[in-house]
Amino acid sequence: MAIIVNLDVVLAQRKMKVKDLAEEIGLSVVNLSILKQSKAKAVRFTTLEAICKALDCQPGDILEYVPDQIEE
């Protein structure tokens, strides 16, 4: 996968639990966990904005692009 979700890293740095973040941004723990595990197909900008506001971070702190390796 080319997009890596580093939400768990940022949560650990802020010493915050998924449950607490979910309550603060108004998202279910299940949906936030799906995002955290990189299983989400899409992320709404409003959700990303709420996460960044709650964690005092930038979108680039949460999402990282890693090019796919081409096997020869």
N, C-alpha and C. Protein backbone atom coordinates (compact mmCIF):
# COMPACT_ATOMS: atom_id res chain seq x y z
N MET A 1 0.85 -1.18 0.00
CA MET A 1 0.00 0.00 0.00
C MET A 1 0.88 1.24 0.00
N ALA A 2 0.55 2.22 -0.78
CA ALA A 2 1.37 3.40 -0.94
C ALA A 2 1.11 4.47 0.13
N ILE A 3 -0.03 4.44 0.78
CA ILE A 3 -0.34 5.41 1.82
C ILE A 3 -0.27 4.71 3.17
N ILE A 4 0.58 5.22 4.05
CA ILE A 4 0.74 4.66 5.39
C ILE A 4 0.05 5.60 6.38
N VAL A 5 -0.74 5.05 7.28
CA VAL A 5 -1.43 5.83 8.30
C VAL A 5 -0.64 5.71 9.60
N ASN A 6 -0.13 6.82 10.08
CA ASN A 6 0.67 6.86 11.29
C ASN A 6 -0.12 7.40 12.49
N LEU A 7 -1.42 7.18 12.48
CA LEU A 7 -2.26 7.70 13.55
C LEU A 7 -1.87 7.11 14.90
N ASP A 8 -1.52 5.83 14.93
CA ASP A 8 -1.13 5.22 16.20
C ASP A 8 0.14 5.85 16.77
N VAL A 9 1.07 6.26 15.90
CA VAL A 9 2.29 6.91 16.35
C VAL A 9 1.97 8.26 16.97
N VAL A 10 1.14 9.04 16.29
CA VAL A 10 0.78 10.37 16.79
C VAL A 10 -0.01 10.25 18.09
N LEU A 11 -0.91 9.28 18.16
CA LEU A 11 -1.66 9.06 19.41
C LEU A 11 -0.71 8.72 20.55
N ALA A 12 0.27 7.87 20.31
CA ALA A 12 1.24 7.50 21.34
C ALA A 12 2.06 8.71 21.78
N GLN A 13 2.46 9.54 20.83
CA GLN A 13 3.22 10.75 21.16
C GLN A 13 2.42 11.69 22.04
N ARG A 14 1.10 11.74 21.81
CA ARG A 14 0.22 12.63 22.58
C ARG A 14 -0.33 11.95 23.84
N LYS A 15 0.04 10.67 24.02
CA LYS A 15 -0.45 9.87 25.15
C LYS A 15 -1.98 9.88 25.21
N MET A 16 -2.59 9.65 24.04
CA MET A 16 -4.04 9.66 23.91
C MET A 16 -4.51 8.31 23.40
N LYS A 17 -5.65 7.88 23.87
CA LYS A 17 -6.23 6.61 23.44
C LYS A 17 -7.20 6.85 22.29
N VAL A 18 -7.39 5.82 21.48
CA VAL A 18 -8.32 5.90 20.35
C VAL A 18 -9.71 6.29 20.84
N LYS A 19 -10.13 5.71 21.94
CA LYS A 19 -11.46 6.00 22.49
C LYS A 19 -11.61 7.49 22.82
N ASP A 20 -10.59 8.07 23.41
CA ASP A 20 -10.64 9.50 23.77
C ASP A 20 -10.70 10.38 22.53
N LEU A 21 -9.90 10.04 21.52
CA LEU A 21 -9.92 10.81 20.27
C LEU A 21 -11.27 10.68 19.58
N ALA A 22 -11.81 9.47 19.55
CA ALA A 22 -13.11 9.24 18.91
C ALA A 22 -14.19 10.09 19.56
N GLU A 23 -14.18 10.15 20.89
CA GLU A 23 -15.17 10.98 21.60
C GLU A 23 -14.99 12.45 21.29
N GLU A 24 -13.74 12.90 21.24
CA GLU A 24 -13.47 14.32 21.01
C GLU A 24 -13.88 14.78 19.61
N ILE A 25 -13.71 13.91 18.60
CA ILE A 25 -14.02 14.34 17.23
C ILE A 25 -15.39 13.87 16.75
N GLY A 26 -16.09 13.08 17.57
CA GLY A 26 -17.44 12.64 17.21
C GLY A 26 -17.46 11.54 16.17
N LEU A 27 -16.48 10.65 16.22
CA LEU A 27 -16.40 9.52 15.30
C LEU A 27 -16.45 8.24 16.13
N SER A 28 -17.01 7.18 15.57
CA SER A 28 -17.07 5.93 16.32
C SER A 28 -15.67 5.34 16.46
N VAL A 29 -15.46 4.60 17.54
CA VAL A 29 -14.18 3.94 17.78
C VAL A 29 -13.89 2.96 16.65
N VAL A 30 -14.92 2.27 16.16
CA VAL A 30 -14.74 1.31 15.08
C VAL A 30 -14.22 2.00 13.83
N ASN A 31 -14.84 3.10 13.43
CA ASN A 31 -14.39 3.81 12.22
C ASN A 31 -12.99 4.38 12.38
N LEU A 32 -12.68 4.89 13.56
CA LEU A 32 -11.34 5.41 13.81
C LEU A 32 -10.31 4.29 13.80
N SER A 33 -10.67 3.14 14.31
CA SER A 33 -9.77 1.98 14.30
C SER A 33 -9.52 1.49 12.88
N ILE A 34 -10.54 1.52 12.05
CA ILE A 34 -10.38 1.14 10.63
C ILE A 34 -9.37 2.07 9.97
N LEU A 35 -9.47 3.35 10.24
CA LEU A 35 -8.51 4.31 9.69
C LEU A 35 -7.12 4.04 10.25
N LYS A 36 -7.03 3.82 11.54
CA LYS A 36 -5.74 3.59 12.20
C LYS A 36 -5.02 2.36 11.64
N GLN A 37 -5.77 1.35 11.27
CA GLN A 37 -5.21 0.11 10.75
C GLN A 37 -4.96 0.15 9.24
N SER A 38 -5.11 1.30 8.64
CA SER A 38 -4.93 1.50 7.19
C SER A 38 -5.90 0.67 6.36
N LYS A 39 -7.08 0.39 6.88
CA LYS A 39 -8.07 -0.38 6.15
C LYS A 39 -9.14 0.51 5.52
N ALA A 40 -9.09 1.80 5.78
CA ALA A 40 -10.07 2.73 5.23
C ALA A 40 -9.77 2.96 3.75
N LYS A 41 -10.82 3.06 2.96
CA LYS A 41 -10.67 3.34 1.53
C LYS A 41 -10.59 4.83 1.25
N ALA A 42 -11.13 5.64 2.16
CA ALA A 42 -11.15 7.09 1.98
C ALA A 42 -11.23 7.77 3.33
N VAL A 43 -10.84 9.04 3.35
CA VAL A 43 -10.93 9.86 4.56
C VAL A 43 -11.52 11.20 4.16
N ARG A 44 -12.55 11.61 4.83
CA ARG A 44 -13.13 12.92 4.55
C ARG A 44 -12.22 14.00 5.09
N PHE A 45 -12.15 15.11 4.38
CA PHE A 45 -11.33 16.22 4.84
C PHE A 45 -11.82 16.74 6.18
N THR A 46 -13.12 16.70 6.43
CA THR A 46 -13.63 17.17 7.72
C THR A 46 -13.14 16.27 8.86
N THR A 47 -13.05 14.97 8.59
CA THR A 47 -12.53 14.03 9.59
C THR A 47 -11.05 14.28 9.82
N LEU A 48 -10.30 14.44 8.74
CA LEU A 48 -8.87 14.71 8.84
C LEU A 48 -8.62 16.01 9.59
N GLU A 49 -9.42 17.01 9.29
CA GLU A 49 -9.29 18.30 9.97
C GLU A 49 -9.56 18.16 11.47
N ALA A 50 -10.61 17.41 11.82
CA ALA A 50 -10.94 17.22 13.24
C ALA A 50 -9.83 16.46 13.97
N ILE A 51 -9.26 15.46 13.32
CA ILE A 51 -8.16 14.70 13.93
C ILE A 51 -6.95 15.61 14.14
N CYS A 52 -6.61 16.39 13.13
CA CYS A 52 -5.46 17.30 13.24
C CYS A 52 -5.67 18.35 14.32
N LYS A 53 -6.88 18.85 14.42
CA LYS A 53 -7.19 19.84 15.45
C LYS A 53 -7.07 19.23 16.84
N ALA A 54 -7.63 18.03 17.02
CA ALA A 54 -7.61 17.37 18.33
C ALA A 54 -6.20 16.97 18.74
N LEU A 55 -5.37 16.58 17.77
CA LEU A 55 -4.02 16.11 18.08
C LEU A 55 -2.96 17.19 17.90
N ASP A 56 -3.38 18.38 17.47
CA ASP A 56 -2.48 19.50 17.23
C ASP A 56 -1.32 19.05 16.33
N CYS A 57 -1.70 18.58 15.13
CA CYS A 57 -0.71 18.08 14.19
C CYS A 57 -1.10 18.47 12.77
N GLN A 58 -0.27 18.11 11.82
CA GLN A 58 -0.52 18.36 10.41
C GLN A 58 -0.93 17.05 9.74
N PRO A 59 -1.67 17.10 8.61
CA PRO A 59 -2.05 15.88 7.91
C PRO A 59 -0.85 14.99 7.56
N GLY A 60 0.29 15.60 7.27
CA GLY A 60 1.49 14.84 6.95
C GLY A 60 2.05 14.07 8.13
N ASP A 61 1.65 14.44 9.35
CA ASP A 61 2.06 13.68 10.53
C ASP A 61 1.28 12.36 10.61
N ILE A 62 0.10 12.35 10.03
CA ILE A 62 -0.78 11.18 10.10
C ILE A 62 -0.67 10.31 8.85
N LEU A 63 -0.60 10.95 7.68
CA LEU A 63 -0.57 10.22 6.42
C LEU A 63 0.80 10.36 5.77
N GLU A 64 1.31 9.25 5.26
CA GLU A 64 2.63 9.23 4.62
C GLU A 64 2.54 8.47 3.31
N TYR A 65 3.14 9.03 2.27
CA TYR A 65 3.17 8.36 0.98
C TYR A 65 4.48 7.61 0.83
N VAL A 66 4.38 6.33 0.54
CA VAL A 66 5.55 5.49 0.28
C VAL A 66 5.33 4.81 -1.07
N PRO A 67 6.19 5.10 -2.04
CA PRO A 67 6.01 4.50 -3.37
C PRO A 67 6.06 2.97 -3.29
N ASP A 68 5.25 2.34 -4.12
CA ASP A 68 5.28 0.87 -4.20
C ASP A 68 6.61 0.43 -4.77
N GLN A 69 7.12 -0.68 -4.26
CA GLN A 69 8.36 -1.25 -4.77
C GLN A 69 8.05 -2.02 -6.04
N ILE A 70 8.80 -1.78 -7.10
CA ILE A 70 8.64 -2.51 -8.35
C ILE A 70 9.63 -3.66 -8.33
N GLU A 71 9.09 -4.87 -8.39
CA GLU A 71 9.95 -6.05 -8.38
C GLU A 71 10.45 -6.34 -9.78
N GLU A 72 11.72 -6.63 -9.86
CA GLU A 72 12.31 -6.94 -11.18
C GLU A 72 12.54 -8.41 -11.33
